[in-house]
Amino acid sequence: MKSNQVMLDDGLLAVSSLSRALDGTARLSDVGALMWVVLRQIVPCDALALFLLDDAHDHVVVRYAAGAHAHALRGVTRPTASGVAGWVAVKRTPVVNAEPILDLGFRAGSAPALRSSVVVPLVESDAIIAVLSLYSKDLLAFTDDHARVLELLGPRLASSLIDAVIAEEEAAVVKSPVLRLVKPSSLERGA
């Protein structure tokens, strides 16, 4: 059973994220936090990871994580052709009770070890927006019913991610420094 402090923290996080979502300024972390608070009530789990596609490098990358090992999961990168999340992205088919180690490597084995996952594609207008992975410390924790519920929610979850992902990508482009080569002037060369 969750402590009152955890429930309060979850509630505050959800309200804060929801307010940004409603005013159109939601970021991926806001949408991810809302997903975490809501989805773990529907599908009991210990961790969540949102894999986004990196088409330039043909990889899937964890761009949001919550729960057990969240700090270690952020930034995990897997080639699209390998791992469960990559397979789900390519085949657009959910996987129930896959081994988390196939995507997370050694991170899945840290105490408390993540022992099973349910992984579903989040598709909007025939485009893969993300791959959602929920993890459990229990072996064979997920059912086909869990996957079906997540599939039914998938289009709505995908559409909630689109604006946040676009906003983050645009912000990343703006924040990237422009590197320029500048010839030293004759004063700088000591001439």
Protein backbone atom coordinates (compact mmCIF):
# COMPACT_ATOMS: atom_id res chain seq x y z
CA MET A 1 0.00 0.00 0.00
CA LYS A 2 1.27 3.45 -0.91
CA SER A 3 2.11 5.90 1.83
CA ASN A 4 0.16 9.11 2.19
CA GLN A 5 3.26 11.12 1.24
CA VAL A 6 3.70 9.17 -2.03
CA MET A 7 0.03 9.66 -2.87
CA LEU A 8 0.29 13.38 -2.08
CA ASP A 9 3.45 13.73 -4.20
CA ASP A 10 1.76 11.88 -7.09
CA GLY A 11 -1.30 14.08 -6.80
CA LEU A 12 0.72 17.30 -6.80
CA LEU A 13 2.76 16.11 -9.76
CA ALA A 14 -0.40 15.20 -11.66
CA VAL A 15 -2.11 18.53 -10.94
CA SER A 16 0.98 20.52 -11.92
CA SER A 17 1.45 18.55 -15.13
CA LEU A 18 -2.25 18.69 -15.95
CA SER A 19 -2.33 22.47 -15.57
CA ARG A 20 0.57 22.84 -18.05
CA ALA A 21 -1.14 20.40 -20.41
CA LEU A 22 -4.36 22.38 -20.29
CA ASP A 23 -2.66 25.68 -21.02
CA GLY A 24 -0.76 24.20 -23.96
CA THR A 25 2.72 24.33 -22.44
CA ALA A 26 3.10 20.66 -21.52
CA ARG A 27 6.51 19.11 -21.95
CA LEU A 28 7.33 15.45 -22.37
CA SER A 29 8.05 15.25 -18.62
CA ASP A 30 4.54 16.60 -17.88
CA VAL A 31 2.79 14.12 -20.16
CA GLY A 32 5.01 11.29 -18.89
CA ALA A 33 4.25 12.18 -15.27
CA LEU A 34 0.53 12.13 -15.97
CA MET A 35 0.85 8.78 -17.71
CA TRP A 36 2.80 7.39 -14.74
CA VAL A 37 0.21 8.52 -12.19
CA VAL A 38 -2.75 7.28 -14.22
CA LEU A 39 -1.41 4.10 -15.84
CA ARG A 40 -0.05 2.48 -12.70
CA GLN A 41 -3.56 2.70 -11.26
CA ILE A 42 -4.88 0.77 -14.27
CA VAL A 43 -1.95 -1.61 -14.81
CA PRO A 44 -0.02 -2.18 -11.57
CA CYS A 45 3.68 -1.70 -12.28
CA ASP A 46 6.94 -0.58 -10.69
CA ALA A 47 8.44 1.46 -13.53
CA LEU A 48 7.55 3.12 -16.83
CA ALA A 49 9.69 4.05 -19.83
CA LEU A 50 8.72 5.98 -22.95
CA PHE A 51 10.93 5.07 -25.89
CA LEU A 52 10.93 7.58 -28.74
CA LEU A 53 12.26 6.81 -32.18
CA ASP A 54 15.52 8.39 -33.29
CA ASP A 55 15.19 7.93 -37.03
CA ALA A 56 18.53 9.59 -37.74
CA HIS A 57 20.37 6.84 -35.86
CA ASP A 58 17.80 4.03 -36.25
CA HIS A 59 17.42 3.66 -32.49
CA VAL A 60 14.76 3.88 -29.82
CA VAL A 61 15.68 6.07 -26.85
CA VAL A 62 14.12 6.32 -23.38
CA ARG A 63 13.13 9.98 -23.20
CA TYR A 64 10.99 9.67 -20.06
CA ALA A 65 11.16 7.20 -17.19
CA ALA A 66 9.44 6.93 -13.81
CA GLY A 67 9.42 4.54 -10.88
CA ALA A 68 12.11 2.02 -10.00
CA HIS A 69 15.48 2.88 -11.56
CA ALA A 70 14.03 5.88 -13.43
CA HIS A 71 17.29 7.82 -13.16
CA ALA A 72 19.22 4.93 -14.74
CA LEU A 73 16.63 4.29 -17.47
CA ARG A 74 16.63 7.80 -18.95
CA GLY A 75 18.70 7.90 -22.09
CA VAL A 76 18.87 4.12 -22.63
CA THR A 77 19.36 3.63 -26.37
CA ARG A 78 18.76 0.45 -28.35
CA PRO A 79 19.06 -0.19 -32.08
CA THR A 80 15.58 -0.36 -33.58
CA ALA A 81 16.20 -3.86 -34.88
CA SER A 82 17.02 -5.21 -31.41
CA GLY A 83 15.39 -5.34 -28.02
CA VAL A 84 11.74 -5.54 -27.20
CA ALA A 85 10.97 -1.83 -27.63
CA GLY A 86 12.63 -1.77 -31.06
CA TRP A 87 10.75 -4.89 -32.13
CA VAL A 88 7.44 -3.38 -30.94
CA ALA A 89 8.20 -0.16 -32.83
CA VAL A 90 8.85 -2.07 -36.05
CA LYS A 91 6.09 -4.70 -35.77
CA ARG A 92 3.52 -2.45 -34.04
CA THR A 93 2.50 -5.39 -31.88
CA PRO A 94 2.43 -5.48 -28.07
CA VAL A 95 4.57 -7.90 -26.09
CA VAL A 96 3.49 -9.31 -22.72
CA ASN A 97 5.93 -10.44 -20.01
CA ALA A 98 9.12 -9.80 -21.94
CA GLU A 99 12.43 -9.79 -20.09
CA PRO A 100 13.29 -6.17 -19.18
CA ILE A 101 16.98 -6.96 -19.50
CA LEU A 102 16.54 -7.18 -23.29
CA ASP A 103 16.00 -3.41 -23.40
CA LEU A 104 17.50 -2.17 -20.17
CA GLY A 105 20.56 -4.38 -19.82
CA PHE A 106 22.21 -4.38 -16.38
CA ARG A 107 19.83 -1.63 -15.19
CA ALA A 108 17.00 -4.16 -14.96
CA GLY A 109 18.97 -6.33 -12.53
CA SER A 110 19.70 -3.67 -9.91
CA ALA A 111 17.76 -4.15 -6.71
CA PRO A 112 14.83 -4.27 -6.89
CA ALA A 113 15.20 -6.25 -10.10
CA LEU A 114 12.66 -5.65 -12.86
CA ARG A 115 11.52 -9.09 -13.99
CA SER A 116 8.73 -8.59 -16.52
CA SER A 117 7.35 -5.97 -18.88
CA VAL A 118 4.39 -5.15 -21.07
CA VAL A 119 5.42 -3.14 -24.13
CA VAL A 120 2.97 -1.46 -26.53
CA PRO A 121 3.30 0.86 -29.53
CA LEU A 122 1.69 4.29 -29.27
CA VAL A 123 0.40 5.04 -32.77
CA GLU A 124 -1.32 8.18 -34.04
CA SER A 125 -2.56 8.45 -37.65
CA ASP A 126 -0.50 5.41 -38.65
CA ALA A 127 2.72 6.94 -37.24
CA ILE A 128 4.63 5.48 -34.31
CA ILE A 129 4.87 8.26 -31.73
CA ALA A 130 6.48 6.21 -28.94
CA VAL A 131 6.78 2.79 -27.38
CA LEU A 132 5.41 2.48 -23.85
CA SER A 133 7.02 -0.05 -21.52
CA LEU A 134 5.70 -0.86 -18.08
CA TYR A 135 7.90 -2.96 -15.80
CA SER A 136 7.27 -5.09 -12.73
CA LYS A 137 9.45 -6.61 -10.04
CA ASP A 138 7.24 -9.70 -10.27
CA LEU A 139 7.79 -12.47 -12.78
CA LEU A 140 4.91 -12.83 -15.29
CA ALA A 141 3.16 -9.81 -13.77
CA PHE A 142 1.22 -8.77 -16.86
CA THR A 143 -1.72 -10.29 -18.69
CA ASP A 144 -3.13 -10.06 -22.19
CA ASP A 145 -5.89 -7.92 -20.66
CA HIS A 146 -3.27 -5.39 -19.51
CA ALA A 147 -1.92 -5.23 -23.06
CA ARG A 148 -5.44 -4.81 -24.50
CA VAL A 149 -6.22 -1.93 -22.13
CA LEU A 150 -2.95 -0.21 -23.04
CA GLU A 151 -3.67 -0.77 -26.75
CA LEU A 152 -7.10 0.82 -26.33
CA LEU A 153 -5.51 3.81 -24.59
CA GLY A 154 -2.65 3.92 -27.11
CA PRO A 155 -4.06 6.40 -29.64
CA ARG A 156 -5.09 8.81 -26.87
CA LEU A 157 -1.69 8.48 -25.18
CA ALA A 158 0.05 9.03 -28.52
CA SER A 159 -1.93 12.16 -29.31
CA SER A 160 -1.14 13.56 -25.85
CA LEU A 161 2.55 13.06 -26.56
CA ILE A 162 2.70 14.67 -30.01
CA ASP A 163 2.68 18.34 -29.00
CA ALA A 164 5.04 17.73 -26.08
CA VAL A 165 7.54 15.86 -28.27
CA ILE A 166 7.41 18.54 -30.97
CA ALA A 167 7.91 21.29 -28.38
CA GLU A 168 10.93 19.49 -26.88
CA GLU A 169 12.49 18.88 -30.28
CA GLU A 170 12.04 22.54 -31.21
CA ALA A 171 13.54 23.62 -27.86
CA ALA A 172 16.52 21.32 -28.42
CA VAL A 173 17.18 22.90 -31.81
CA VAL A 174 17.04 26.39 -30.29
CA LYS A 175 19.35 25.42 -27.40
CA SER A 176 21.95 23.79 -29.64
CA PRO A 177 24.86 26.18 -29.96
CA VAL A 178 25.84 27.18 -33.45
CA LEU A 179 29.50 26.49 -33.99
CA ARG A 180 31.34 28.77 -36.34
CA LEU A 181 34.92 28.86 -37.39
CA VAL A 182 36.33 32.32 -37.12
CA LYS A 183 39.62 33.33 -38.63
CA PRO A 184 41.84 35.09 -36.14
CA SER A 185 42.28 38.75 -36.95
CA SER A 186 45.70 40.20 -37.49
CA LEU A 187 45.50 41.81 -34.02
CA GLU A 188 44.91 38.43 -32.36
CA ARG A 189 47.89 36.89 -34.16
CA GLY A 190 50.19 39.52 -32.74
CA ALA A 191 50.93 41.07 -36.12
